[in-house]
Protein backbone atom coordinates (compact mmCIF):
# COMPACT_ATOMS: atom_id res chain seq x y z
CA UNK A 1 0.00 0.00 0.00
CA UNK A 2 1.39 3.41 -0.94
CA UNK A 3 2.39 5.80 1.82
CA UNK A 4 -0.02 8.43 0.42
CA UNK A 5 -2.92 6.05 1.04
CA UNK A 6 -1.70 5.26 4.54
CA UNK A 7 -1.36 8.91 5.50
CA UNK A 8 -5.09 9.53 5.03
CA UNK A 9 -5.89 7.48 8.14
CA UNK A 10 -5.39 8.76 11.66
CA UNK A 11 -3.12 6.01 12.96
CA UNK A 12 -2.83 7.69 16.34
CA UNK A 13 -6.57 7.44 16.98
CA UNK A 14 -6.56 3.78 15.93
CA UNK A 15 -4.04 3.09 18.71
CA UNK A 16 -5.79 5.48 21.10
CA UNK A 17 -2.58 7.50 21.23
CA UNK A 18 -1.44 11.09 20.87
CA UNK A 19 1.31 12.39 18.56
CA UNK A 20 3.24 13.45 21.66
CA UNK A 21 3.36 9.85 23.01
CA UNK A 22 6.85 8.33 23.06
CA UNK A 23 7.68 4.97 21.49
CA UNK A 24 7.30 3.10 24.79
CA UNK A 25 3.80 4.49 25.32
CA UNK A 26 2.81 3.70 21.72
CA UNK A 27 4.05 0.14 22.15
CA UNK A 28 2.11 -0.30 25.40
CA UNK A 29 -1.12 0.89 23.74
CA UNK A 30 -0.51 -1.32 20.71
CA UNK A 31 0.11 -4.43 22.82
CA UNK A 32 -3.04 -3.81 24.85
CA UNK A 33 -5.16 -3.52 21.70
CA UNK A 34 -3.55 -6.53 20.01
CA UNK A 35 -4.34 -8.73 23.00
CA UNK A 36 -7.91 -7.47 23.02
CA UNK A 37 -8.56 -7.83 19.27
CA UNK A 38 -6.37 -10.78 18.26
CA UNK A 39 -8.41 -13.33 16.23
CA UNK A 40 -7.27 -16.20 18.45
CA UNK A 41 -8.69 -14.41 21.51
CA UNK A 42 -12.22 -14.09 20.08
CA UNK A 43 -15.07 -16.33 21.17
CA UNK A 44 -16.34 -18.96 18.72
CA UNK A 45 -20.02 -17.96 18.89
CA UNK A 46 -19.56 -14.60 17.11
CA UNK A 47 -21.59 -14.07 13.88
CA UNK A 48 -19.64 -14.24 10.60
CA UNK A 49 -20.04 -10.52 9.82
CA UNK A 50 -18.72 -9.62 13.25
CA UNK A 51 -15.68 -11.87 12.76
CA UNK A 52 -14.78 -9.98 9.57
CA UNK A 53 -15.18 -6.59 11.28
CA UNK A 54 -12.97 -7.71 14.18
CA UNK A 55 -10.35 -9.01 11.77
CA UNK A 56 -10.31 -5.65 9.94
CA UNK A 57 -9.88 -3.85 13.28
CA UNK A 58 -6.95 -6.13 14.15
CA UNK A 59 -5.34 -5.44 10.76
CA UNK A 60 -5.74 -1.66 11.24
CA UNK A 61 -4.13 -1.87 14.68
CA UNK A 62 -1.20 -3.80 13.21
CA UNK A 63 -0.77 -1.29 10.36
CA UNK A 64 -0.87 1.60 12.82
CA UNK A 65 1.93 0.01 14.82
CA UNK A 66 4.00 -0.68 11.70
CA UNK A 67 3.86 3.03 10.85
CA UNK A 68 4.13 4.56 14.32
CA UNK A 69 6.47 1.95 15.82
CA UNK A 70 9.26 2.76 13.36
CA UNK A 71 11.02 6.10 13.91
CA UNK A 72 11.49 6.79 10.18
CA UNK A 73 7.92 6.02 9.09
CA UNK A 74 6.51 7.83 12.14
CA UNK A 75 8.51 10.93 11.26
CA UNK A 76 7.36 10.78 7.63
CA UNK A 77 3.73 10.28 8.72
CA UNK A 78 3.94 13.18 11.18
CA UNK A 79 5.38 15.43 8.46
CA UNK A 80 2.61 14.38 6.08
CA UNK A 81 -0.01 15.27 8.71
CA UNK A 82 1.71 18.56 9.45
CA UNK A 83 1.93 19.56 5.77
CA UNK A 84 -1.83 20.04 5.70
CA UNK A 85 -1.38 23.08 7.95
CA UNK A 86 2.01 24.31 6.76
CA UNK A 87 3.53 26.16 3.85
CA UNK A 88 6.88 25.39 2.31
CA UNK A 89 9.14 27.02 -0.24
CA UNK A 90 12.18 25.54 -1.94
CA UNK A 91 15.51 27.18 -1.20
CA UNK A 92 18.18 27.66 -3.86
CA UNK A 93 20.42 25.20 -1.95
CA UNK A 94 17.85 22.43 -2.35
CA UNK A 95 16.53 22.73 1.20
CA UNK A 96 13.12 23.93 2.30
CA UNK A 97 11.67 26.87 4.19
CA UNK A 98 8.68 25.65 6.21
CA UNK A 99 6.24 27.62 8.33
CA UNK A 100 2.97 26.49 9.86
CA UNK A 101 -0.15 28.62 10.19
CA UNK A 102 0.04 28.71 13.97
CA UNK A 103 3.67 29.99 13.82
CA UNK A 104 3.19 32.53 11.02
CA UNK A 105 1.81 35.30 13.25
CA UNK A 106 4.63 35.00 15.81
CA UNK A 107 7.66 34.99 13.52
CA UNK A 108 8.84 37.16 10.66
CA UNK A 109 11.96 35.25 9.54
CA UNK A 110 12.14 31.60 8.52
CA UNK A 111 15.41 29.74 8.04
CA UNK A 112 16.16 27.07 5.48
CA UNK A 113 16.41 23.56 6.89
CA UNK A 114 19.67 22.93 4.99
CA UNK A 115 21.61 26.18 4.93
CA UNK A 116 21.84 29.53 6.73
CA UNK A 117 19.63 31.54 4.35
CA UNK A 118 16.52 33.28 5.73
CA UNK A 119 13.31 34.58 4.19
CA UNK A 120 10.99 37.23 5.58
CA UNK A 121 7.28 36.57 6.03
CA UNK A 122 5.16 39.56 5.07
CA UNK A 123 1.73 39.78 6.66
C-alpha cells in the first residue's frame, strides 16, 4: 500500500494514542489492543459478519503500529499530517523553508532547513 494512502488514516486514533506519546507508550497501547482484538482471543459464537469486522480492526491496529512503531515512518507520517497546515518554499540550496499557520503570526523570519539563508514573512 502506498504511503499516500496510509497517511489519510489517523493512525494515532486507531491506537488510542497522541502524537506526543513516546515509542514506549505507543508500544504499550498497541500491545493492549492486540491482545484485546487478536483473532485467536475471540469467542467462537460470534456471527460471521462480526468476525470480519474484528479481523479488519486487528489489521488496522497492526498497520498503525508498523507506521508509528518505526522512527522513520513515524517521522514521515507526522510530516505528512503537518503539511496540511504548513507552507513550504524551496531554497536555492535544495533545502526547504517551512512555516505552519500557527507559527506565522509569531515569527517574521524563517530559516532554510539545509543552509543559513533566511526569508521574511510579510503579513
